[in-house]
Amino acid sequence: MNDDYVKFIRYAQLLIENTSNGILAYICPHGFLNNPTFRAMRYNLLQTFEKIYIINLHGNINRGEKCPDGSKDENVFDIEQGVSINIFFKKTTKNVCPTIYYSDLYGLRNIKYTFLQTSNINNIVWEKIEINSPYYLFIPNKMSKSNNYWEWINIDELFAKNSTGIVTMGDEFIIADTKKDIEFRITDFISTDYTTSSFKDKYNLGKNYPDFAIGNKKLVKYNKEHIIKICYRPFDNKYTYYDRLLLWRARDEVSPLFSMGDNIGLITARSNKADDCSHFFISDCMSEAKCGERTTQSAIFPLFTYSNNFIENNKVRIPNLNSKIVSSISALLKLPLVEHNTDKSNDGFTPIDLLDYIYAVLYSPKYREKYKEFLKIDFPRVPYPTDKETFWKLVEIGSKLRECHLMHTEFDIQPYNFVGYGTNEVVKPEYKNGRVYISKTQYFDNVPQAQWEQYIGGYQPLQKWLKDRKKTILSSEDIEHYKKIIAALKLTQELMAEIDNIVDF
């Protein structure tokens, strides 16, 4: 909301309000049209202006925008942000229902220029936008007020504590593949007389982190207990040093919940700018901010929290769940929330059962497609379970998905042989004819193309994992892990099909 273009729109709006009528015509970034952050701004504009005309010129390089047919879409300026032309009308007429008229303009820059030079507000084909709360989107949408989606379980409300993942601002230094690596870096940092520039050069850091770390250096004390596992990307756990003096955003309200005892967290995002709507993952450790969504930031929702038992001098694990929502679920299923269950038809459902149910719903292709627009602008909502039989079927599949994504499943990796001669160095990852090449002479065999292109947690794991290891020599453990990722993706695809055979959205 501190962007200059927002301030200019508000200033012009204020001048027009003071004169009772006027026109505001402005070319600016198009993020305010549908970004959840700007919903109050959109609502406020609707209180002032009677008619709003919007030509969305697209061209957002950051979002990788393309034309609807998949062809190239260019920005009208030499910038990365997409832009729009916005014309706001206000007359002195009172109590007039505001109207939004919208038009898309995709294509190459010269096509857009020609269209704009030869068009006026009267000969453009406009689409009238239906205005709906709570987001008041300025783009075409299907978010009817009567849609029952808004009555479903809100993930952000169900889990009492949650947080965006850890932000480091210096991954090359504070994120490592092994405990030994991060231990060496921290002890080296403490004992070496680094200048800001020498520290920056050694770890190839950006402009902000070196000053931050060096500024706190005298206060940093090494403690091996501060080395923690972190879910960096889907199927790619690493290690970091949990110290707010070295982590830009340590997320103190949530991160410790994963070191106090067994815990598990659902990873998803408030917004999603990609088309695949795959921004869902799961972790048994704290996550990094970009772990589950490549276009924005992801958050983690721990299943349990801990309270102090002063009598027994220990921590008591309790569900990190909204009691009112859980009570509603219990009433609908006629089952209580229990700590353990042996007979799922009679004993009740556990916190992990509820998480498995939610995870299964999020991995339904039908769900993702039907509610794509909803999933792009806020944390997901899932339907309240009402049918016990369907609930337990989804719990069962969700449990398999959870075990699969945590790499706890016994995978059959025999088909995916690592073939060829060489140093095992990742030179140039490439997919060709069922083979994933890491160099010209070495490859993983029998890899289905569907898995090479498959998205999970906002990424294509088979591609991302190798790209992050370019110029790295793979160990035997790395090779085995990559084979397991292939198998995990294939099993995920099969389980997603099973879910769609059960659900009906």
Protein backbone atom coordinates (compact mmCIF):
# COMPACT_ATOMS: atom_id res chain seq x y z
CA MET A 1 0.00 0.00 0.00
CA ASN A 2 3.05 2.26 0.16
CA ASP A 3 3.58 2.06 -3.60
CA ASP A 4 3.65 5.53 -5.14
CA TYR A 5 0.95 4.70 -7.69
CA VAL A 6 -1.46 3.89 -4.85
CA LYS A 7 -0.75 7.24 -3.23
CA PHE A 8 -1.33 9.06 -6.52
CA ILE A 9 -4.68 7.33 -7.04
CA ARG A 10 -5.75 8.22 -3.51
CA TYR A 11 -4.66 11.85 -3.94
CA ALA A 12 -6.59 12.19 -7.20
CA GLN A 13 -9.59 10.49 -5.60
CA LEU A 14 -9.50 13.02 -2.74
CA LEU A 15 -9.40 15.99 -5.17
CA ILE A 16 -12.39 14.61 -7.08
CA GLU A 17 -14.33 13.99 -3.87
CA ASN A 18 -13.72 17.60 -2.84
CA THR A 19 -15.10 18.91 -6.16
CA SER A 20 -17.99 16.38 -6.27
CA ASN A 21 -17.22 15.27 -9.83
CA GLY A 22 -14.36 14.53 -12.18
CA ILE A 23 -12.39 11.97 -14.16
CA LEU A 24 -9.23 10.14 -13.14
CA ALA A 25 -7.34 8.51 -16.01
CA TYR A 26 -4.19 6.70 -14.99
CA ILE A 27 -1.77 4.08 -16.34
CA CYS A 28 -0.23 2.13 -13.47
CA PRO A 29 0.77 -1.38 -12.30
CA HIS A 30 -2.17 -3.78 -12.54
CA GLY A 31 -1.55 -5.53 -9.20
CA PHE A 32 -4.31 -3.60 -7.45
CA LEU A 33 -6.95 -5.15 -9.72
CA ASN A 34 -6.98 -8.51 -7.94
CA ASN A 35 -4.28 -8.65 -5.26
CA PRO A 36 -5.90 -9.48 -1.87
CA THR A 37 -3.83 -6.76 -0.20
CA PHE A 38 -5.74 -4.10 -2.14
CA ARG A 39 -9.30 -5.23 -1.43
CA ALA A 40 -9.96 -2.28 0.94
CA MET A 41 -8.60 0.08 -1.72
CA ARG A 42 -10.95 -1.40 -4.32
CA TYR A 43 -13.90 -1.15 -1.93
CA ASN A 44 -13.06 2.49 -1.20
CA LEU A 45 -12.82 3.37 -4.88
CA LEU A 46 -16.28 1.88 -5.42
CA GLN A 47 -17.66 4.28 -2.79
CA THR A 48 -16.42 7.26 -4.83
CA PHE A 49 -16.68 6.43 -8.52
CA GLU A 50 -19.81 5.52 -10.46
CA LYS A 51 -18.13 4.03 -13.52
CA ILE A 52 -14.71 2.45 -13.84
CA TYR A 53 -13.19 1.39 -17.17
CA ILE A 54 -10.16 -0.89 -17.10
CA ILE A 55 -7.94 -2.06 -19.95
CA ASN A 56 -5.62 -4.71 -18.55
CA LEU A 57 -2.47 -4.49 -20.69
CA HIS A 58 -0.89 -7.49 -18.89
CA GLY A 59 2.81 -8.02 -19.77
CA ASN A 60 3.76 -9.08 -16.24
CA ILE A 61 7.21 -10.61 -16.57
CA ASN A 62 7.33 -11.56 -12.87
CA ARG A 63 4.23 -13.73 -13.31
CA GLY A 64 5.39 -15.08 -16.66
CA GLU A 65 2.19 -13.90 -18.33
CA LYS A 66 1.34 -15.28 -21.76
CA CYS A 67 -1.53 -14.84 -24.17
CA PRO A 68 -4.53 -17.16 -23.66
CA ASP A 69 -3.32 -19.26 -26.61
CA GLY A 70 0.13 -19.63 -25.03
CA SER A 71 1.91 -17.18 -27.32
CA LYS A 72 4.19 -14.38 -26.12
CA ASP A 73 2.77 -11.42 -24.23
CA GLU A 74 4.89 -8.26 -24.02
CA ASN A 75 4.83 -5.27 -21.71
CA VAL A 76 4.05 -1.91 -23.28
CA PHE A 77 6.95 -0.45 -21.31
CA ASP A 78 10.45 -1.73 -20.54
CA ILE A 79 9.44 -2.87 -17.05
CA GLU A 80 8.68 -6.18 -15.34
CA GLN A 81 5.34 -5.27 -13.76
CA GLY A 82 2.17 -5.65 -15.78
CA VAL A 83 0.16 -2.46 -16.25
CA SER A 84 -3.40 -1.32 -16.86
CA ILE A 85 -5.21 1.76 -18.14
CA ASN A 86 -7.82 2.87 -15.62
CA ILE A 87 -10.49 5.53 -16.13
CA PHE A 88 -12.61 6.48 -13.13
CA PHE A 89 -15.77 8.63 -13.53
CA LYS A 90 -17.64 10.52 -10.82
CA LYS A 91 -20.69 12.76 -11.27
CA THR A 92 -22.73 14.58 -8.68
CA THR A 93 -25.48 11.94 -8.91
CA LYS A 94 -26.17 10.33 -5.55
CA ASN A 95 -26.88 6.70 -4.64
CA VAL A 96 -25.76 5.28 -7.97
CA CYS A 97 -24.60 1.66 -7.98
CA PRO A 98 -20.99 1.59 -9.28
CA THR A 99 -20.25 -0.27 -12.51
CA ILE A 100 -16.93 -1.74 -13.68
CA TYR A 101 -16.19 -2.32 -17.36
CA TYR A 102 -13.19 -4.48 -18.19
CA SER A 103 -11.17 -5.45 -21.26
CA ASP A 104 -8.05 -7.60 -21.75
CA LEU A 105 -5.29 -6.69 -24.19
CA TYR A 106 -2.66 -9.38 -24.77
CA GLY A 107 0.02 -9.78 -27.42
CA LEU A 108 3.21 -8.26 -28.71
CA ARG A 109 3.99 -4.64 -27.96
CA ASN A 110 3.34 -3.33 -31.49
CA ILE A 111 -0.08 -5.05 -31.50
CA LYS A 112 -1.00 -3.31 -28.27
CA TYR A 113 0.24 0.04 -29.56
CA THR A 114 -1.83 -0.27 -32.74
CA PHE A 115 -4.96 -1.22 -30.81
CA LEU A 116 -4.60 1.68 -28.39
CA GLN A 117 -3.92 4.20 -31.15
CA THR A 118 -7.02 3.19 -33.11
CA SER A 119 -9.50 2.61 -30.26
CA ASN A 120 -11.64 4.76 -28.01
CA ILE A 121 -13.83 4.07 -25.03
CA ASN A 122 -16.92 3.65 -27.23
CA ASN A 123 -15.65 1.02 -29.68
CA ILE A 124 -13.86 -1.30 -27.23
CA VAL A 125 -15.71 -4.49 -26.30
CA TRP A 126 -16.21 -4.26 -22.54
CA GLU A 127 -17.11 -6.99 -20.05
CA LYS A 128 -19.21 -5.88 -17.12
CA ILE A 129 -17.69 -7.08 -13.84
CA GLU A 130 -19.89 -8.51 -11.10
CA ILE A 131 -18.89 -6.84 -7.84
CA ASN A 132 -18.69 -9.28 -4.95
CA SER A 133 -17.49 -9.10 -1.35
CA PRO A 134 -15.18 -9.77 0.35
CA TYR A 135 -12.55 -9.06 -2.33
CA TYR A 136 -14.30 -6.63 -4.74
CA LEU A 137 -12.16 -7.83 -7.63
CA PHE A 138 -11.69 -5.54 -10.63
CA ILE A 139 -11.24 -8.49 -13.00
CA PRO A 140 -13.70 -11.10 -14.36
CA ASN A 141 -14.40 -13.71 -11.69
CA LYS A 142 -16.85 -16.40 -10.63
CA MET A 143 -16.97 -15.48 -6.98
CA SER A 144 -20.68 -15.21 -6.44
CA LYS A 145 -21.85 -14.18 -2.98
CA SER A 146 -24.03 -17.28 -2.88
CA ASN A 147 -21.13 -19.67 -3.50
CA ASN A 148 -20.88 -22.02 -0.51
CA TYR A 149 -17.08 -21.91 -0.70
CA TRP A 150 -17.15 -18.95 1.69
CA GLU A 151 -18.92 -21.11 4.28
CA TRP A 152 -16.25 -23.82 4.27
CA ILE A 153 -13.39 -24.38 6.74
CA ASN A 154 -10.92 -21.54 6.45
CA ILE A 155 -7.42 -22.96 6.90
CA ASP A 156 -6.22 -19.66 8.30
CA GLU A 157 -8.92 -19.82 11.00
CA LEU A 158 -8.70 -23.54 11.74
CA PHE A 159 -5.04 -23.46 12.79
CA ALA A 160 -4.70 -21.05 15.71
CA LYS A 161 -0.98 -20.45 15.19
CA ASN A 162 0.63 -20.10 11.78
CA SER A 163 3.33 -18.07 10.15
CA THR A 164 5.06 -17.33 6.88
CA GLY A 165 8.17 -19.47 6.53
CA ILE A 166 11.64 -18.36 7.62
CA VAL A 167 13.22 -15.58 5.54
CA THR A 168 17.03 -15.59 5.51
CA MET A 169 18.06 -12.97 2.90
CA GLY A 170 21.34 -14.93 2.79
CA ASP A 171 20.60 -18.49 1.72
CA GLU A 172 24.11 -19.11 0.38
CA PHE A 173 25.47 -18.70 3.91
CA ILE A 174 22.76 -19.67 6.38
CA ILE A 175 21.18 -22.59 4.46
CA ALA A 176 23.25 -25.75 3.94
CA ASP A 177 22.79 -29.34 2.80
CA THR A 178 24.24 -30.91 5.94
CA LYS A 179 24.63 -30.17 9.65
CA LYS A 180 28.39 -30.33 9.20
CA ASP A 181 28.31 -27.63 6.54
CA ILE A 182 26.23 -25.20 8.60
CA GLU A 183 28.36 -25.87 11.70
CA PHE A 184 31.52 -25.03 9.76
CA ARG A 185 30.05 -21.83 8.36
CA ILE A 186 28.86 -20.50 11.71
CA THR A 187 32.11 -21.26 13.53
CA ASP A 188 34.07 -19.79 10.63
CA PHE A 189 31.91 -16.67 10.70
CA ILE A 190 32.45 -16.18 14.44
CA SER A 191 36.21 -16.77 14.36
CA THR A 192 37.13 -14.93 11.15
CA ASP A 193 37.61 -11.18 10.97
CA TYR A 194 35.29 -10.64 8.01
CA THR A 195 34.54 -7.27 6.53
CA THR A 196 31.16 -6.76 4.95
CA SER A 197 32.63 -6.98 1.46
CA SER A 198 34.79 -10.05 2.13
CA PHE A 199 31.85 -11.87 3.74
CA LYS A 200 29.62 -10.92 0.81
CA ASP A 201 32.16 -12.09 -1.76
CA LYS A 202 32.86 -15.44 -0.06
CA TYR A 203 29.20 -16.48 -0.02
CA ASN A 204 27.97 -14.56 -3.07
CA LEU A 205 25.43 -12.64 -0.98
CA GLY A 206 23.11 -9.78 -1.91
CA LYS A 207 23.38 -6.22 -0.67
CA ASN A 208 21.29 -6.40 2.53
CA TYR A 209 22.32 -9.55 4.37
CA PRO A 210 26.10 -8.88 4.79
CA ASP A 211 25.50 -5.65 6.73
CA PHE A 212 22.82 -7.34 8.84
CA ALA A 213 24.99 -10.36 9.78
CA ILE A 214 28.25 -8.47 10.33
CA GLY A 215 26.38 -5.92 12.44
CA ASN A 216 25.24 -8.71 14.79
CA LYS A 217 28.44 -10.74 14.72
CA LYS A 218 29.75 -9.84 18.19
CA LEU A 219 26.53 -11.07 19.75
CA VAL A 220 26.46 -14.46 17.98
CA LYS A 221 27.40 -17.43 20.18
CA TYR A 222 27.69 -20.90 18.68
CA ASN A 223 25.29 -23.52 20.05
CA LYS A 224 24.90 -26.83 18.24
CA GLU A 225 21.28 -27.00 19.46
CA HIS A 226 20.51 -24.09 17.14
CA ILE A 227 21.16 -26.20 14.04
CA ILE A 228 17.72 -27.23 12.81
CA LYS A 229 16.26 -28.97 9.79
CA ILE A 230 14.32 -26.77 7.40
CA CYS A 231 11.99 -27.68 4.55
CA TYR A 232 13.62 -25.54 1.87
CA ARG A 233 11.72 -26.77 -1.19
CA PRO A 234 9.41 -29.75 -1.81
CA PHE A 235 11.39 -32.96 -1.22
CA ASP A 236 14.46 -30.88 -0.38
CA ASN A 237 15.19 -30.57 3.34
CA LYS A 238 18.29 -28.66 4.38
CA TYR A 239 19.72 -27.18 7.58
CA THR A 240 19.91 -23.69 9.02
CA TYR A 241 21.13 -21.99 12.19
CA TYR A 242 18.15 -20.81 14.21
CA ASP A 243 19.28 -17.46 15.59
CA ARG A 244 17.40 -14.21 15.01
CA LEU A 245 20.81 -12.49 14.83
CA LEU A 246 21.51 -14.40 11.60
CA LEU A 247 18.01 -15.10 10.24
CA TRP A 248 16.23 -12.10 8.76
CA ARG A 249 12.82 -13.39 9.86
CA ALA A 250 13.12 -16.30 12.31
CA ARG A 251 9.35 -16.70 12.95
CA ASP A 252 9.75 -17.18 16.69
CA GLU A 253 6.04 -17.79 17.25
CA VAL A 254 6.02 -20.98 15.13
CA SER A 255 9.56 -22.25 14.46
CA PRO A 256 10.16 -23.62 18.00
CA LEU A 257 7.00 -25.75 17.76
CA PHE A 258 8.91 -28.12 15.47
CA SER A 259 11.81 -28.62 17.87
CA MET A 260 9.78 -29.24 21.06
CA GLY A 261 8.58 -32.65 19.87
CA ASP A 262 6.94 -34.49 16.99
CA ASN A 263 4.96 -32.09 14.83
CA ILE A 264 3.79 -31.70 11.30
CA GLY A 265 2.80 -28.63 9.34
CA LEU A 266 0.62 -27.92 6.35
CA ILE A 267 2.35 -25.58 3.88
CA THR A 268 0.27 -23.36 1.62
CA ALA A 269 -0.01 -19.71 0.57
CA ARG A 270 -2.34 -16.75 0.91
CA SER A 271 -2.01 -15.93 -2.78
CA ASN A 272 -0.87 -17.69 -5.90
CA LYS A 273 0.03 -16.07 -9.20
CA ALA A 274 0.62 -19.31 -11.10
CA ASP A 275 -1.96 -21.28 -13.08
CA ASP A 276 -1.25 -24.74 -11.65
CA CYS A 277 -2.65 -24.12 -8.13
CA SER A 278 -0.25 -26.69 -6.71
CA HIS A 279 0.82 -24.62 -3.71
CA PHE A 280 0.29 -27.33 -1.09
CA PHE A 281 2.90 -29.41 0.72
CA ILE A 282 3.57 -30.88 4.15
CA SER A 283 6.57 -30.92 6.46
CA ASP A 284 7.76 -32.28 9.79
CA CYS A 285 10.08 -29.29 10.26
CA MET A 286 9.94 -25.52 9.88
CA SER A 287 9.72 -24.24 6.31
CA GLU A 288 11.45 -21.51 4.31
CA ALA A 289 9.26 -18.68 2.99
CA LYS A 290 9.39 -19.77 -0.66
CA CYS A 291 9.06 -23.47 0.10
CA GLY A 292 5.48 -24.01 -1.01
CA GLU A 293 4.80 -21.23 -3.51
CA ARG A 294 7.28 -19.96 -6.11
CA THR A 295 5.41 -16.78 -7.11
CA THR A 296 4.72 -15.28 -3.66
CA GLN A 297 5.47 -16.60 -0.16
CA SER A 298 4.16 -19.63 1.67
CA ALA A 299 3.07 -20.12 5.26
CA ILE A 300 3.18 -23.15 7.54
CA PHE A 301 0.33 -24.30 9.80
CA PRO A 302 1.60 -26.59 12.59
CA LEU A 303 -0.79 -29.30 13.75
CA PHE A 304 0.29 -29.06 17.38
CA THR A 305 1.43 -26.45 19.85
CA TYR A 306 2.90 -26.90 23.33
CA SER A 307 2.08 -25.66 26.82
CA ASN A 308 4.09 -25.91 30.03
CA ASN A 309 3.23 -28.56 32.60
CA PHE A 310 4.84 -26.98 35.65
CA ILE A 311 3.95 -29.90 37.93
CA GLU A 312 5.75 -32.52 35.82
CA ASN A 313 8.22 -29.97 34.42
CA ASN A 314 7.65 -30.84 30.76
CA LYS A 315 5.90 -29.67 27.62
CA VAL A 316 2.37 -30.85 26.86
CA ARG A 317 1.42 -31.23 23.23
CA ILE A 318 -2.03 -29.88 22.36
CA PRO A 319 -3.84 -29.55 19.00
CA ASN A 320 -3.28 -26.21 17.32
CA LEU A 321 -6.92 -26.16 16.23
CA ASN A 322 -9.82 -23.75 16.56
CA SER A 323 -12.15 -25.41 19.08
CA LYS A 324 -15.32 -23.91 17.56
CA ILE A 325 -14.53 -25.26 14.09
CA VAL A 326 -13.58 -28.66 15.54
CA SER A 327 -16.88 -28.74 17.46
CA SER A 328 -18.78 -28.06 14.23
CA ILE A 329 -16.94 -30.90 12.49
CA SER A 330 -17.64 -33.24 15.43
CA ALA A 331 -21.34 -32.39 15.32
CA LEU A 332 -21.57 -33.02 11.58
CA LEU A 333 -19.72 -36.34 11.74
CA LYS A 334 -21.21 -37.31 15.11
CA LEU A 335 -17.67 -38.15 16.19
CA PRO A 336 -15.51 -36.58 18.92
CA LEU A 337 -11.97 -35.31 18.52
CA VAL A 338 -9.71 -37.83 20.29
CA GLU A 339 -5.99 -38.15 20.90
CA HIS A 340 -5.78 -41.72 19.60
CA ASN A 341 -8.17 -44.03 17.79
CA THR A 342 -8.12 -47.73 17.10
CA ASP A 343 -11.52 -48.11 15.48
CA LYS A 344 -12.10 -45.12 13.22
CA SER A 345 -15.77 -45.86 12.82
CA ASN A 346 -16.49 -45.55 16.55
CA ASP A 347 -13.67 -43.94 18.55
CA GLY A 348 -13.60 -40.56 16.82
CA PHE A 349 -11.15 -38.62 14.69
CA THR A 350 -7.69 -37.40 15.69
CA PRO A 351 -5.95 -34.14 14.72
CA ILE A 352 -3.86 -36.03 12.17
CA ASP A 353 -7.04 -37.52 10.66
CA LEU A 354 -8.39 -34.02 10.14
CA LEU A 355 -5.12 -32.92 8.55
CA ASP A 356 -5.15 -35.95 6.25
CA TYR A 357 -8.72 -35.17 5.19
CA ILE A 358 -7.75 -31.57 4.36
CA TYR A 359 -4.61 -32.68 2.51
CA ALA A 360 -6.61 -35.08 0.36
CA VAL A 361 -9.10 -32.36 -0.60
CA LEU A 362 -6.27 -30.00 -1.55
CA TYR A 363 -4.88 -32.67 -3.87
CA SER A 364 -8.12 -33.11 -5.77
CA PRO A 365 -7.71 -31.92 -9.39
CA LYS A 366 -11.47 -31.20 -9.48
CA TYR A 367 -11.17 -28.98 -6.42
CA ARG A 368 -8.17 -27.08 -7.79
CA GLU A 369 -9.80 -26.42 -11.13
CA LYS A 370 -13.23 -25.43 -9.86
CA TYR A 371 -11.92 -23.11 -7.14
CA LYS A 372 -8.85 -21.83 -8.96
CA GLU A 373 -9.86 -18.19 -8.67
CA PHE A 374 -10.49 -18.54 -4.94
CA LEU A 375 -7.16 -20.29 -4.36
CA LYS A 376 -5.29 -17.50 -6.11
CA ILE A 377 -6.34 -14.77 -3.69
CA ASP A 378 -6.47 -16.26 -0.19
CA PHE A 379 -5.65 -19.26 1.95
CA PRO A 380 -7.68 -22.31 0.88
CA ARG A 381 -11.02 -23.36 2.29
CA VAL A 382 -12.18 -26.97 2.35
CA PRO A 383 -15.72 -28.31 2.77
CA TYR A 384 -16.94 -29.44 6.16
CA PRO A 385 -17.08 -33.26 6.17
CA THR A 386 -20.63 -34.55 6.58
CA ASP A 387 -20.45 -38.11 5.23
CA LYS A 388 -18.47 -40.47 7.48
CA GLU A 389 -17.75 -42.95 4.71
CA THR A 390 -16.34 -40.28 2.37
CA PHE A 391 -14.46 -38.65 5.23
CA TRP A 392 -12.63 -41.84 6.17
CA LYS A 393 -11.83 -42.67 2.56
CA LEU A 394 -10.24 -39.25 2.12
CA VAL A 395 -8.41 -39.62 5.45
CA GLU A 396 -6.92 -42.88 4.21
CA ILE A 397 -5.69 -41.38 0.93
CA GLY A 398 -4.54 -38.19 2.65
CA SER A 399 -2.50 -40.32 5.04
CA LYS A 400 -0.78 -42.02 2.09
CA LEU A 401 -0.07 -38.63 0.52
CA ARG A 402 1.36 -37.33 3.78
CA GLU A 403 3.64 -40.34 4.20
CA CYS A 404 4.65 -40.10 0.56
CA HIS A 405 5.58 -36.41 0.73
CA LEU A 406 7.48 -36.89 3.97
CA MET A 407 9.41 -39.67 2.22
CA HIS A 408 8.25 -42.25 4.77
CA THR A 409 6.86 -44.58 2.08
CA GLU A 410 8.69 -47.68 0.91
CA PHE A 411 9.16 -46.69 -2.73
CA ASP A 412 9.99 -48.99 -5.61
CA ILE A 413 12.93 -47.19 -7.22
CA GLN A 414 14.27 -50.08 -9.26
CA PRO A 415 12.93 -48.77 -12.62
CA TYR A 416 14.83 -45.48 -12.31
CA ASN A 417 18.41 -46.59 -12.83
CA PHE A 418 21.24 -44.06 -12.82
CA VAL A 419 23.14 -44.84 -16.00
CA GLY A 420 26.41 -43.80 -17.63
CA TYR A 421 29.99 -42.91 -16.81
CA GLY A 422 31.25 -39.67 -15.36
CA THR A 423 31.87 -37.69 -12.19
CA ASN A 424 28.18 -37.43 -11.16
CA GLU A 425 28.39 -33.64 -11.56
CA VAL A 426 25.15 -31.87 -12.43
CA VAL A 427 26.14 -29.98 -15.57
CA LYS A 428 22.92 -29.32 -17.48
CA PRO A 429 19.66 -30.98 -16.37
CA GLU A 430 17.64 -32.02 -19.40
CA TYR A 431 14.75 -34.38 -20.18
CA LYS A 432 14.87 -36.43 -23.37
CA ASN A 433 13.09 -39.64 -24.37
CA GLY A 434 12.32 -40.84 -20.85
CA ARG A 435 15.74 -39.91 -19.50
CA VAL A 436 16.74 -37.14 -17.12
CA TYR A 437 20.28 -36.16 -18.07
CA ILE A 438 22.56 -34.42 -15.56
CA SER A 439 25.34 -34.29 -18.17
CA LYS A 440 25.95 -35.61 -21.67
CA THR A 441 27.00 -39.03 -20.36
CA GLN A 442 24.91 -39.65 -17.22
CA TYR A 443 21.17 -39.86 -16.70
CA PHE A 444 18.26 -41.32 -14.73
CA ASP A 445 16.40 -43.82 -16.89
CA ASN A 446 12.69 -44.62 -17.38
CA VAL A 447 11.42 -41.31 -15.99
CA PRO A 448 7.85 -40.58 -17.17
CA GLN A 449 7.46 -37.17 -18.79
CA ALA A 450 4.40 -36.54 -16.61
CA GLN A 451 6.63 -36.66 -13.53
CA TRP A 452 9.30 -34.45 -15.11
CA GLU A 453 6.62 -31.79 -15.68
CA GLN A 454 4.59 -32.43 -12.50
CA TYR A 455 4.06 -29.59 -10.01
CA ILE A 456 4.00 -29.98 -6.22
CA GLY A 457 4.26 -27.14 -3.73
CA GLY A 458 4.44 -24.62 -6.54
CA TYR A 459 7.50 -26.21 -8.18
CA GLN A 460 8.43 -28.95 -10.63
CA PRO A 461 10.49 -30.96 -8.11
CA LEU A 462 12.46 -33.11 -10.56
CA GLN A 463 13.63 -29.99 -12.38
CA LYS A 464 14.04 -27.71 -9.35
CA TRP A 465 16.05 -30.21 -7.31
CA LEU A 466 18.65 -30.61 -10.06
CA LYS A 467 18.78 -26.92 -11.00
CA ASP A 468 19.59 -26.09 -7.39
CA ARG A 469 22.53 -28.50 -7.58
CA LYS A 470 24.21 -27.37 -10.77
CA LYS A 471 27.99 -27.77 -10.54
CA THR A 472 27.45 -30.14 -7.60
CA ILE A 473 28.69 -33.73 -7.57
CA LEU A 474 25.85 -36.01 -6.52
CA SER A 475 26.58 -38.52 -3.75
CA SER A 476 25.13 -42.02 -3.73
CA GLU A 477 22.58 -40.77 -1.16
CA ASP A 478 21.62 -37.90 -3.49
CA ILE A 479 21.07 -40.32 -6.36
CA GLU A 480 18.87 -42.57 -4.24
CA HIS A 481 16.91 -39.56 -3.00
CA TYR A 482 16.25 -38.36 -6.54
CA LYS A 483 14.92 -41.79 -7.47
CA LYS A 484 12.55 -41.58 -4.51
CA ILE A 485 11.31 -38.18 -5.70
CA ILE A 486 10.41 -39.74 -9.06
CA ALA A 487 8.52 -42.54 -7.30
CA ALA A 488 6.83 -40.08 -4.91
CA LEU A 489 5.58 -37.97 -7.80
CA LYS A 490 4.22 -41.01 -9.62
CA LEU A 491 2.41 -42.19 -6.48
CA THR A 492 1.03 -38.66 -5.95
CA GLN A 493 -0.44 -38.69 -9.46
CA GLU A 494 -2.13 -42.04 -8.77
CA LEU A 495 -3.53 -40.90 -5.40
CA MET A 496 -4.87 -37.67 -6.92
CA ALA A 497 -6.84 -39.75 -9.41
CA GLU A 498 -8.24 -41.85 -6.54
CA ILE A 499 -9.35 -38.70 -4.70
CA ASP A 500 -11.25 -37.45 -7.74
CA ASN A 501 -13.10 -40.76 -7.91
CA ILE A 502 -14.42 -40.06 -4.41
CA VAL A 503 -15.16 -36.35 -4.25
CA ASP A 504 -17.83 -34.39 -6.08
CA PHE A 505 -17.44 -30.61 -5.93
